[in-house]
C-alpha atoms as a PDB file:
ATOM      1  CA  MET A   1      -0.044   0.018  -0.005  1.00  0.00           C
ATOM      2  CA  HIS A   2       1.292   3.570  -0.768  1.00  0.00           C
ATOM      3  CA  GLU A   3       2.188   5.570   2.112  1.00  0.00           C
ATOM      4  CA  SER A   4      -0.202   8.656   2.695  1.00  0.00           C
ATOM      5  CA  TYR A   5       0.973  12.416   2.414  1.00  0.00           C
ATOM      6  CA  ALA A   6       0.051  12.623   6.202  1.00  0.00           C
ATOM      7  CA  TYR A   7       2.273   9.438   7.232  1.00  0.00           C
ATOM      8  CA  VAL A   8       5.534  10.864   5.268  1.00  0.00           C
ATOM      9  CA  LEU A   9       4.829  14.374   7.124  1.00  0.00           C
ATOM     10  CA  LYS A  10       4.925  12.893  10.329  1.00  0.00           C
ATOM     11  CA  ARG A  11       8.111  10.472   9.826  1.00  0.00           C
ATOM     12  CA  PHE A  12       9.873  13.797   8.551  1.00  0.00           C
ATOM     13  CA  ARG A  13       8.346  16.091  11.517  1.00  0.00           C
ATOM     14  CA  ILE A  14       8.770  18.942   9.707  1.00  0.00           C
ATOM     15  CA  ALA A  15       5.656  21.536   9.487  1.00  0.00           C
ATOM     16  CA  GLN A  16       3.041  21.219   6.822  1.00  0.00           C
ATOM     17  CA  LEU A  17       4.363  22.848   3.794  1.00  0.00           C
ATOM     18  CA  LEU A  18       2.629  25.174   1.292  1.00  0.00           C
ATOM     19  CA  GLY A  19       3.762  23.707  -1.873  1.00  0.00           C
ATOM     20  CA  PRO A  20       1.908  20.598  -3.025  1.00  0.00           C
ATOM     21  CA  ASP A  21      -1.583  21.476  -2.050  1.00  0.00           C
ATOM     22  CA  LEU A  22      -1.504  25.090  -3.566  1.00  0.00           C
ATOM     23  CA  PHE A  23       0.279  23.434  -6.853  1.00  0.00           C
ATOM     24  CA  ALA A  24      -2.832  21.300  -6.935  1.00  0.00           C
ATOM     25  CA  ARG A  25      -5.108  24.491  -6.206  1.00  0.00           C
ATOM     26  CA  THR A  26      -3.510  26.653  -8.778  1.00  0.00           C
ATOM     27  CA  LEU A  27      -3.992  23.650 -11.386  1.00  0.00           C
ATOM     28  CA  SER A  28      -7.418  23.449 -10.514  1.00  0.00           C
ATOM     29  CA  MET A  29      -7.859  26.599 -11.862  1.00  0.00           C
ATOM     30  CA  PRO A  30      -8.548  27.354 -15.822  1.00  0.00           C
ATOM     31  CA  THR A  31      -5.967  30.063 -16.449  1.00  0.00           C
ATOM     32  CA  ARG A  32      -4.896  29.379 -19.903  1.00  0.00           C
ATOM     33  CA  THR A  33      -6.516  30.572 -22.917  1.00  0.00           C
ATOM     34  CA  ASP A  34      -5.724  28.946 -26.394  1.00  0.00           C
ATOM     35  CA  GLU A  35      -6.387  30.428 -29.911  1.00  0.00           C
ATOM     36  CA  PHE A  36      -9.755  28.545 -30.067  1.00  0.00           C
ATOM     37  CA  GLY A  37     -10.907  29.891 -27.087  1.00  0.00           C
ATOM     38  CA  ASN A  38     -10.623  27.172 -25.125  1.00  0.00           C
ATOM     39  CA  ARG A  39      -9.792  27.694 -21.284  1.00  0.00           C
ATOM     40  CA  TRP A  40      -7.229  25.166 -19.800  1.00  0.00           C
ATOM     41  CA  GLN A  41      -5.862  24.542 -16.279  1.00  0.00           C
ATOM     42  CA  TYR A  42      -2.937  23.173 -18.071  1.00  0.00           C
ATOM     43  CA  HIS A  43      -1.258  23.671 -21.282  1.00  0.00           C
ATOM     44  CA  SER A  44       2.443  22.332 -22.238  1.00  0.00           C
ATOM     45  CA  ARG A  45       3.174  25.286 -24.332  1.00  0.00           C
ATOM     46  CA  SER A  46       2.893  27.709 -21.443  1.00  0.00           C
ATOM     47  CA  ASP A  47       5.323  27.692 -18.390  1.00  0.00           C
ATOM     48  CA  HIS A  48       3.028  28.941 -15.870  1.00  0.00           C
ATOM     49  CA  HIS A  49       2.988  25.569 -13.903  1.00  0.00           C
ATOM     50  CA  SER A  50       6.600  25.360 -13.638  1.00  0.00           C
ATOM     51  CA  LYS A  51       6.678  29.078 -12.297  1.00  0.00           C
ATOM     52  CA  VAL A  52       3.834  28.447  -9.708  1.00  0.00           C
ATOM     53  CA  ALA A  53       6.079  25.406  -8.820  1.00  0.00           C
ATOM     54  CA  CYS A  54       9.431  27.240  -8.149  1.00  0.00           C
ATOM     55  CA  ALA A  55       7.702  30.207  -6.473  1.00  0.00           C
ATOM     56  CA  LEU A  56       6.027  27.868  -4.098  1.00  0.00           C
ATOM     57  CA  ILE A  57       9.089  25.875  -3.461  1.00  0.00           C
ATOM     58  CA  MET A  58      10.715  29.300  -2.566  1.00  0.00           C
ATOM     59  CA  LEU A  59       8.091  30.308  -0.125  1.00  0.00           C
ATOM     60  CA  ASP A  60       8.465  26.919   1.692  1.00  0.00           C
ATOM     61  CA  LEU A  61      12.516  27.811   1.781  1.00  0.00           C
ATOM     62  CA  LEU A  62      11.757  30.893   2.945  1.00  0.00           C
ATOM     63  CA  GLU A  63       9.598  29.794   6.066  1.00  0.00           C
ATOM     64  CA  ASN A  64      12.136  26.541   6.531  1.00  0.00           C
ATOM     65  CA  CYS A  65      15.741  27.689   5.839  1.00  0.00           C
ATOM     66  CA  PRO A  66      16.757  30.276   8.444  1.00  0.00           C
ATOM     67  CA  ALA A  67      20.012  31.278   6.722  1.00  0.00           C
ATOM     68  CA  LEU A  68      18.201  31.909   3.422  1.00  0.00           C
ATOM     69  CA  ALA A  69      15.424  33.808   5.340  1.00  0.00           C
ATOM     70  CA  THR A  70      18.435  36.257   7.123  1.00  0.00           C
ATOM     71  CA  HIS A  71      19.886  36.683   3.677  1.00  0.00           C
ATOM     72  CA  VAL A  72      16.915  37.815   1.994  1.00  0.00           C
ATOM     73  CA  ARG A  73      16.219  40.405   4.912  1.00  0.00           C
ATOM     74  CA  GLU A  74      19.681  41.550   4.761  1.00  0.00           C
ATOM     75  CA  GLY A  75      19.428  42.129   0.997  1.00  0.00           C
ATOM     76  CA  LYS A  76      22.172  39.606   0.437  1.00  0.00           C
ATOM     77  CA  VAL A  77      20.587  37.249  -2.154  1.00  0.00           C
ATOM     78  CA  MET A  78      17.670  38.052  -5.005  1.00  0.00           C
ATOM     79  CA  PHE A  79      16.045  35.990  -7.308  1.00  0.00           C
ATOM     80  CA  GLY A  80      15.734  35.790 -11.249  1.00  0.00           C
ATOM     81  CA  ILE A  81      13.534  34.091 -13.483  1.00  0.00           C
ATOM     82  CA  ASN A  82      14.261  32.266 -16.736  1.00  0.00           C
ATOM     83  CA  HIS A  83      17.873  33.004 -16.132  1.00  0.00           C
ATOM     84  CA  GLU A  84      20.365  31.616 -18.989  1.00  0.00           C
ATOM     85  CA  MET A  85      23.122  29.689 -17.470  1.00  0.00           C
ATOM     86  CA  ARG A  86      26.431  28.215 -19.453  1.00  0.00           C
ATOM     87  CA  ASP A  87      28.247  25.647 -18.695  1.00  0.00           C
ATOM     88  CA  PHE A  88      31.675  26.901 -18.470  1.00  0.00           C
ATOM     89  CA  ALA A  89      33.582  23.683 -19.514  1.00  0.00           C
ATOM     90  CA  HIS A  90      31.215  22.626 -22.301  1.00  0.00           C
ATOM     91  CA  ASN A  91      29.740  25.883 -23.398  1.00  0.00           C
ATOM     92  CA  ARG A  92      26.261  24.532 -23.088  1.00  0.00           C
ATOM     93  CA  LYS A  93      23.367  26.628 -22.161  1.00  0.00           C
ATOM     94  CA  LYS A  94      20.195  26.566 -20.453  1.00  0.00           C
ATOM     95  CA  ASN A  95      17.365  28.704 -19.161  1.00  0.00           C
ATOM     96  CA  LEU A  96      16.617  27.758 -15.486  1.00  0.00           C
ATOM     97  CA  ASP A  97      13.267  28.362 -14.309  1.00  0.00           C
ATOM     98  CA  LEU A  98      14.111  30.359 -11.077  1.00  0.00           C
ATOM     99  CA  VAL A  99      17.552  30.974  -9.392  1.00  0.00           C
ATOM    100  CA  ILE A 100      18.536  32.445  -6.029  1.00  0.00           C
ATOM    101  CA  SER A 101      21.473  34.543  -6.516  1.00  0.00           C
ATOM    102  CA  THR A 102      23.478  37.429  -4.889  1.00  0.00           C
ATOM    103  CA  PRO A 103      22.690  40.766  -6.900  1.00  0.00           C
ATOM    104  CA  ALA A 104      24.566  41.691  -9.602  1.00  0.00           C
ATOM    105  CA  SER A 105      27.060  44.634  -8.974  1.00  0.00           C
ATOM    106  CA  GLY A 106      25.596  47.950  -8.369  1.00  0.00           C
ATOM    107  CA  GLN A 107      22.139  46.457  -7.930  1.00  0.00           C
ATOM    108  CA  LYS A 108      19.603  48.543  -5.671  1.00  0.00           C
ATOM    109  CA  ARG A 109      16.755  47.160  -3.654  1.00  0.00           C
ATOM    110  CA  GLY A 110      13.292  47.668  -4.729  1.00  0.00           C
ATOM    111  CA  GLY A 111      12.212  45.177  -7.308  1.00  0.00           C
ATOM    112  CA  ARG A 112       9.193  43.273  -8.003  1.00  0.00           C
ATOM    113  CA  THR A 113       8.831  40.922  -4.888  1.00  0.00           C
ATOM    114  CA  LEU A 114       8.199  36.799  -5.261  1.00  0.00           C
ATOM    115  CA  LEU A 115       4.797  37.594  -3.662  1.00  0.00           C
ATOM    116  CA  ASP A 116       4.493  40.001  -6.840  1.00  0.00           C
ATOM    117  CA  ILE A 117       4.955  36.933  -8.928  1.00  0.00           C
ATOM    118  CA  CYS A 118       2.533  34.830  -6.951  1.00  0.00           C
ATOM    119  CA  ASP A 119       0.092  37.381  -7.477  1.00  0.00           C
ATOM    120  CA  GLN A 120       0.576  37.245 -11.386  1.00  0.00           C
ATOM    121  CA  LEU A 121       0.388  33.678 -11.557  1.00  0.00           C
ATOM    122  CA  ASN A 122      -2.779  33.838  -9.810  1.00  0.00           C
ATOM    123  CA  ILE A 123      -1.959  31.338  -6.913  1.00  0.00           C
ATOM    124  CA  PRO A 124      -5.196  31.005  -4.669  1.00  0.00           C
ATOM    125  CA  PHE A 125      -3.856  31.690  -1.169  1.00  0.00           C
ATOM    126  CA  SER A 126      -6.329  31.806   1.512  1.00  0.00           C
ATOM    127  CA  ALA A 127      -6.511  34.882   3.720  1.00  0.00           C
ATOM    128  CA  GLN A 128      -4.849  32.798   6.602  1.00  0.00           C
ATOM    129  CA  GLU A 129      -1.966  31.465   3.987  1.00  0.00           C
ATOM    130  CA  LEU A 130      -1.597  35.153   2.636  1.00  0.00           C
ATOM    131  CA  ALA A 131      -1.355  36.728   6.091  1.00  0.00           C
ATOM    132  CA  HIS A 132       1.172  34.328   7.039  1.00  0.00           C
ATOM    133  CA  ILE A 133       3.088  34.802   3.901  1.00  0.00           C
ATOM    134  CA  ASN A 134       3.196  38.366   4.770  1.00  0.00           C
ATOM    135  CA  THR A 135       5.370  38.033   7.624  1.00  0.00           C
ATOM    136  CA  LEU A 136       7.896  36.315   5.556  1.00  0.00           C
ATOM    137  CA  PRO A 137      10.890  38.277   4.178  1.00  0.00           C
ATOM    138  CA  ALA A 138      10.384  39.917   0.857  1.00  0.00           C
ATOM    139  CA  LEU A 139      12.571  38.083  -1.706  1.00  0.00           C
ATOM    140  CA  GLU A 140      13.336  40.593  -4.383  1.00  0.00           C
ATOM    141  CA  MET A 141      14.037  40.208  -8.058  1.00  0.00           C
ATOM    142  CA  ALA A 142      17.136  41.531  -9.401  1.00  0.00           C
ATOM    143  CA  PRO A 143      19.748  41.049 -12.412  1.00  0.00           C
ATOM    144  CA  VAL A 144      21.706  37.835 -11.297  1.00  0.00           C
ATOM    145  CA  GLY A 145      25.170  37.718  -9.900  1.00  0.00           C
ATOM    146  CA  ASN A 146      26.529  34.570  -8.740  1.00  0.00           C
ATOM    147  CA  VAL A 147      23.816  31.746  -8.665  1.00  0.00           C
ATOM    148  CA  LEU A 148      23.833  30.328  -5.125  1.00  0.00           C
ATOM    149  CA  LEU A 149      20.374  27.957  -6.045  1.00  0.00           C
ATOM    150  CA  ALA A 150      18.888  27.066  -9.328  1.00  0.00           C
ATOM    151  CA  LEU A 151      15.215  25.253  -9.593  1.00  0.00           C
ATOM    152  CA  GLU A 152      14.056  23.336 -12.602  1.00  0.00           C
ATOM    153  CA  ALA A 153      10.525  22.261 -12.740  1.00  0.00           C
ATOM    154  CA  LYS A 154       8.545  19.783 -15.269  1.00  0.00           C
ATOM    155  CA  ALA A 155       5.610  17.838 -15.823  1.00  0.00           C
ATOM    156  CA  CYS A 156       4.594  14.905 -17.421  1.00  0.00           C
ATOM    157  CA  MET A 157       0.922  15.037 -17.981  1.00  0.00           C
ATOM    158  CA  THR A 158       0.228  12.575 -20.804  1.00  0.00           C
ATOM    159  CA  ALA A 159       1.670  10.284 -23.380  1.00  0.00           C
ATOM    160  CA  HIS A 160       4.131   9.303 -20.511  1.00  0.00           C
ATOM    161  CA  GLN A 161       5.950   6.629 -22.353  1.00  0.00           C
ATOM    162  CA  LYS A 162       6.699   8.860 -25.314  1.00  0.00           C
ATOM    163  CA  ALA A 163       7.428  11.515 -23.049  1.00  0.00           C
ATOM    164  CA  LEU A 164      10.234   9.977 -21.040  1.00  0.00           C
ATOM    165  CA  PRO A 165      13.296  10.411 -23.172  1.00  0.00           C
ATOM    166  CA  ARG A 166      12.754  14.304 -23.295  1.00  0.00           C
ATOM    167  CA  LEU A 167      11.868  14.490 -19.598  1.00  0.00           C
ATOM    168  CA  TYR A 168      15.019  12.868 -18.743  1.00  0.00           C
ATOM    169  CA  ASP A 169      17.171  14.599 -21.191  1.00  0.00           C
ATOM    170  CA  GLU A 170      15.934  18.040 -20.044  1.00  0.00           C
ATOM    171  CA  LEU A 171      16.181  17.441 -16.280  1.00  0.00           C
ATOM    172  CA  ASN A 172      19.563  15.604 -16.777  1.00  0.00           C
ATOM    173  CA  SER A 173      20.875  18.690 -18.469  1.00  0.00           C
ATOM    174  CA  SER A 174      19.681  21.194 -16.020  1.00  0.00           C
ATOM    175  CA  HIS A 175      22.037  20.143 -13.304  1.00  0.00           C
ATOM    176  CA  GLN A 176      24.846  19.318 -15.893  1.00  0.00           C
ATOM    177  CA  THR A 177      24.708  23.111 -16.682  1.00  0.00           C
ATOM    178  CA  VAL A 178      23.953  24.598 -13.367  1.00  0.00           C
ATOM    179  CA  HIS A 179      27.038  22.849 -12.065  1.00  0.00           C
ATOM    180  CA  GLY A 180      29.473  23.399 -14.850  1.00  0.00           C
ATOM    181  CA  ALA A 181      28.809  26.969 -14.610  1.00  0.00           C
ATOM    182  CA  ALA A 182      28.877  26.972 -10.429  1.00  0.00           C
ATOM    183  CA  GLU A 183      29.981  23.640  -8.811  1.00  0.00           C
ATOM    184  CA  SER A 184      28.875  24.843  -5.489  1.00  0.00           C
ATOM    185  CA  ALA A 185      25.326  26.222  -6.627  1.00  0.00           C
ATOM    186  CA  ILE A 186      22.356  24.008  -5.257  1.00  0.00           C
ATOM    187  CA  ALA A 187      20.739  22.225  -8.337  1.00  0.00           C
ATOM    188  CA  VAL A 188      16.842  21.444  -7.534  1.00  0.00           C
ATOM    189  CA  GLY A 189      14.677  19.286  -9.645  1.00  0.00           C
ATOM    190  CA  PHE A 190      10.940  19.501  -9.227  1.00  0.00           C
ATOM    191  CA  VAL A 191       8.490  16.829 -11.137  1.00  0.00           C
ATOM    192  CA  CYS A 192       4.896  16.663 -11.417  1.00  0.00           C
ATOM    193  CA  ILE A 193       3.667  13.233 -12.657  1.00  0.00           C
ATOM    194  CA  ASN A 194      -0.154  12.643 -13.757  1.00  0.00           C
ATOM    195  CA  ALA A 195      -1.863   9.650 -12.273  1.00  0.00           C
ATOM    196  CA  ALA A 196      -5.238  10.202 -14.100  1.00  0.00           C
ATOM    197  CA  GLU A 197      -6.553   7.467 -16.196  1.00  0.00           C
ATOM    198  CA  ALA A 198      -7.908  10.203 -18.654  1.00  0.00           C
ATOM    199  CA  TYR A 199      -6.873  13.354 -19.995  1.00  0.00           C
ATOM    200  CA  LEU A 200      -7.645  16.270 -22.097  1.00  0.00           C
ATOM    201  CA  SER A 201      -4.800  17.341 -23.902  1.00  0.00           C
ATOM    202  CA  PRO A 202      -4.699  20.640 -25.433  1.00  0.00           C
ATOM    203  CA  ASP A 203      -2.684  19.387 -28.218  1.00  0.00           C
ATOM    204  CA  ARG A 204      -5.112  16.629 -29.206  1.00  0.00           C
ATOM    205  CA  ASN A 205      -7.734  19.550 -28.927  1.00  0.00           C
ATOM    206  CA  LYS A 206      -6.709  22.042 -31.541  1.00  0.00           C
ATOM    207  CA  ARG A 207     -10.450  23.407 -32.119  1.00  0.00           C
ATOM    208  CA  ALA A 208     -13.338  24.933 -30.375  1.00  0.00           C
ATOM    209  CA  ILE A 209     -14.041  21.602 -28.245  1.00  0.00           C
ATOM    210  CA  GLY A 210     -17.713  22.808 -26.637  1.00  0.00           C
ATOM    211  CA  GLY A 211     -19.164  19.281 -25.844  1.00  0.00           C
ATOM    212  CA  ARG A 212     -16.799  17.228 -27.855  1.00  0.00           C
ATOM    213  CA  PRO A 213     -13.564  16.881 -26.700  1.00  0.00           C
ATOM    214  CA  THR A 214     -10.885  14.164 -27.852  1.00  0.00           C
ATOM    215  CA  TRP A 215      -9.631  12.185 -24.506  1.00  0.00           C
ATOM    216  CA  SER A 216      -6.219  10.801 -24.060  1.00  0.00           C
ATOM    217  CA  GLU A 217      -6.453   7.427 -22.023  1.00  0.00           C
ATOM    218  CA  HIS A 218      -3.658   6.262 -19.761  1.00  0.00           C
ATOM    219  CA  ARG A 219      -2.963   2.775 -18.556  1.00  0.00           C
ATOM    220  CA  GLN A 220      -2.558   3.441 -14.589  1.00  0.00           C
ATOM    221  CA  PRO A 221      -0.778   2.961 -12.606  1.00  0.00           C
ATOM    222  CA  LYS A 222       1.770   1.572 -15.045  1.00  0.00           C
ATOM    223  CA  ALA A 223       2.172   5.176 -16.744  1.00  0.00           C
ATOM    224  CA  THR A 224       2.810   6.806 -13.306  1.00  0.00           C
ATOM    225  CA  ASP A 225       5.297   3.799 -12.173  1.00  0.00           C
ATOM    226  CA  ILE A 226       7.425   3.895 -15.313  1.00  0.00           C
ATOM    227  CA  THR A 227       7.647   7.871 -15.335  1.00  0.00           C
ATOM    228  CA  PHE A 228       8.666   7.704 -11.550  1.00  0.00           C
ATOM    229  CA  GLN A 229      11.076   5.059 -12.407  1.00  0.00           C
ATOM    230  CA  LYS A 230      12.693   7.172 -14.998  1.00  0.00           C
ATOM    231  CA  VAL A 231      13.089  10.098 -12.450  1.00  0.00           C
ATOM    232  CA  ARG A 232      14.708   7.819 -10.129  1.00  0.00           C
ATOM    233  CA  GLU A 233      17.548   7.268 -12.746  1.00  0.00           C
ATOM    234  CA  ILE A 234      18.607  10.921 -12.616  1.00  0.00           C
ATOM    235  CA  PRO A 235      21.767  11.634 -10.904  1.00  0.00           C
ATOM    236  CA  ARG A 236      21.819  13.010  -7.458  1.00  0.00           C
ATOM    237  CA  ARG A 237      24.950  13.935  -5.228  1.00  0.00           C
ATOM    238  CA  SER A 238      25.293  14.388  -1.448  1.00  0.00           C
ATOM    239  CA  ARG A 239      28.110  16.665  -1.545  1.00  0.00           C
ATOM    240  CA  SER A 240      28.854  19.931  -3.243  1.00  0.00           C
ATOM    241  CA  THR A 241      31.153  18.051  -6.205  1.00  0.00           C
ATOM    242  CA  GLY A 242      30.291  15.552  -8.420  1.00  0.00           C
ATOM    243  CA  GLU A 243      27.401  15.061 -11.111  1.00  0.00           C
ATOM    244  CA  GLY A 244      23.640  15.040 -10.030  1.00  0.00           C
ATOM    245  CA  TYR A 245      20.868  16.973  -8.177  1.00  0.00           C
ATOM    246  CA  ASP A 246      21.292  18.200  -4.672  1.00  0.00           C
ATOM    247  CA  ALA A 247      17.510  17.742  -4.054  1.00  0.00           C
ATOM    248  CA  LEU A 248      15.055  16.199  -6.456  1.00  0.00           C
ATOM    249  CA  GLY A 249      11.168  16.311  -5.581  1.00  0.00           C
ATOM    250  CA  VAL A 250       8.112  14.470  -7.083  1.00  0.00           C
ATOM    251  CA  VAL A 251       4.479  15.356  -6.422  1.00  0.00           C
ATOM    252  CA  ILE A 252       1.835  12.829  -8.155  1.00  0.00           C
ATOM    253  CA  MET A 253      -1.719  13.875  -9.069  1.00  0.00           C
ATOM    254  CA  ASN A 254      -4.852  12.884 -10.479  1.00  0.00           C
ATOM    255  CA  PHE A 255      -5.184  15.654 -12.881  1.00  0.00           C
ATOM    256  CA  ARG A 256      -7.704  15.433 -15.988  1.00  0.00           C
ATOM    257  CA  ASN A 257      -7.615  19.120 -17.262  1.00  0.00           C
ATOM    258  CA  ASP A 258     -11.238  18.996 -17.845  1.00  0.00           C
ATOM    259  CA  GLY A 259     -12.076  21.847 -15.266  1.00  0.00           C
ATOM    260  CA  SER A 260     -12.256  19.184 -12.220  1.00  0.00           C
ATOM    261  CA  PRO A 261     -10.114  19.991  -9.229  1.00  0.00           C
ATOM    262  CA  ALA A 262      -6.484  18.375  -9.092  1.00  0.00           C
ATOM    263  CA  ARG A 263      -5.913  15.756  -6.463  1.00  0.00           C
ATOM    264  CA  LEU A 264      -2.680  14.903  -4.842  1.00  0.00           C
ATOM    265  CA  VAL A 265      -1.973  11.122  -4.903  1.00  0.00           C
ATOM    266  CA  ASP A 266       0.331   9.021  -2.637  1.00  0.00           C
ATOM    267  CA  LEU A 267       4.041   8.402  -3.674  1.00  0.00           C
ATOM    268  CA  PRO A 268       5.074   5.361  -5.067  1.00  0.00           C
ATOM    269  CA  PRO A 269       7.009   2.605  -2.489  1.00  0.00           C
ATOM    270  CA  LEU A 270      10.562   3.633  -2.092  1.00  0.00           C
ATOM    271  CA  GLY A 271       9.688   7.488  -2.789  1.00  0.00           C
ATOM    272  CA  ASP A 272      10.584   8.968   0.640  1.00  0.00           C
ATOM    273  CA  ILE A 273      13.710  10.423  -0.652  1.00  0.00           C
ATOM    274  CA  TYR A 274      11.968  12.320  -3.620  1.00  0.00           C
ATOM    275  CA  HIS A 275       8.693  13.286  -1.217  1.00  0.00           C
ATOM    276  CA  TYR A 276       8.351  17.032  -1.347  1.00  0.00           C
ATOM    277  CA  ASN A 277       9.169  17.844   2.292  1.00  0.00           C
ATOM    278  CA  SER A 278      12.641  15.872   1.616  1.00  0.00           C
ATOM    279  CA  MET A 279      13.521  17.965  -1.201  1.00  0.00           C
ATOM    280  CA  ILE A 280      12.867  21.213   1.047  1.00  0.00           C
ATOM    281  CA  ASP A 281      14.491  19.093   3.798  1.00  0.00           C
ATOM    282  CA  ARG A 282      17.771  18.819   1.778  1.00  0.00           C
ATOM    283  CA  ILE A 283      17.859  22.302  -0.125  1.00  0.00           C
ATOM    284  CA  THR A 284      17.552  23.935   3.423  1.00  0.00           C
ATOM    285  CA  GLY A 285      20.670  21.530   4.823  1.00  0.00           C
ATOM    286  CA  ALA A 286      22.445  22.211   1.503  1.00  0.00           C
ATOM    287  CA  TYR A 287      22.090  25.907   1.964  1.00  0.00           C
ATOM    288  CA  THR A 288      22.962  26.195   5.535  1.00  0.00           C
ATOM    289  CA  ILE A 289      26.125  24.370   5.227  1.00  0.00           C
ATOM    290  CA  ARG A 290      27.528  26.006   2.042  1.00  0.00           C
ATOM    291  CA  PHE A 291      26.369  29.503   2.112  1.00  0.00           C
ATOM    292  CA  SER A 292      25.507  30.573   5.863  1.00  0.00           C
ATOM    293  CA  ALA A 293      28.967  32.537   5.933  1.00  0.00           C
ATOM    294  CA  LEU A 294      27.854  34.697   2.891  1.00  0.00           C
END
C-alpha cells in the first residue's frame, strides 16, 4: 500500500508545507486560453505551471531555511526568472526556471517581490496563508550575480512513455549546466506526474471543443510507475562536488485537465527521498552548510 502524505509528513517531523496543496489548487483553476477560445488548467506550451511550482518552493524555503531568510532580509540574495546559465567547461547553455543569487554589481533594492510574482500567477492563497506569507522576508527580483541555487520544474501529464526520453534529457541537462557554471550551486529538480486515467490534452483538441473533446487514455498505475522509475535514474549527489541534483522532488496528482480539481496522490513505494518535504529538507541543509557565511 502506498504511504500517505500525512504519514510521510509525520515521519519527517517538519511543518505542513504550502507547496503541494497550493500547486494542486492552482492547477485546479483554468488560467490558460488557447487560440480557439478553450480555457485550460494546464497547457504544455505555457511555463505557468513551472513558475508556480518554483514560486511555492521558494516560499516554503523562506519559511524553513533560517539562513536563506536572513540573507533575504539583509538584501544579500535576490531571485531571477528564466535565467540563462552557461556551462563553462562545455559552453552549453540553458534557461533555469528560477535562481537565487547574489545581486549583480551595483544593483539596488526595490524590485518586484516573489509575492508580486505569485499574484501574477494567480496562486489562490487563502486569507490565512496570505497573512502568514506577509510575515516572511520579501524576496526581490534583480539582475543575477553569482548563482547559489537553481530550480528546474517539469511536468509529465500525458503520453508518459513517449515523453520519458525528453523528460530525462531536460532534467539531466539542467543539473549538468548548473554545476558546469557554478559547482557549489544547489541544483534542484521538481517533477509533477499525472496519475489520471483520462486527460484532455490541448495538443489533441486544437479546435473549439465545446462538448466534444478528444480524450487521452492512460494505463494506470503503469504510466505513473514507469515515469517515476525514469526520474529515479536521474543522478543525485550528496556533496558539493560531482554530478547530479542536490535535491529532487516528485509530486503525483490525479489531473484530468477538464475543469475538475487536481488531487494529490500518494508517492509510490521507495519514494520517500523524492517526497516534496524531503526535497525542502535537503535544500535547507545544503544552503545552510554552503552559504551560511555569505
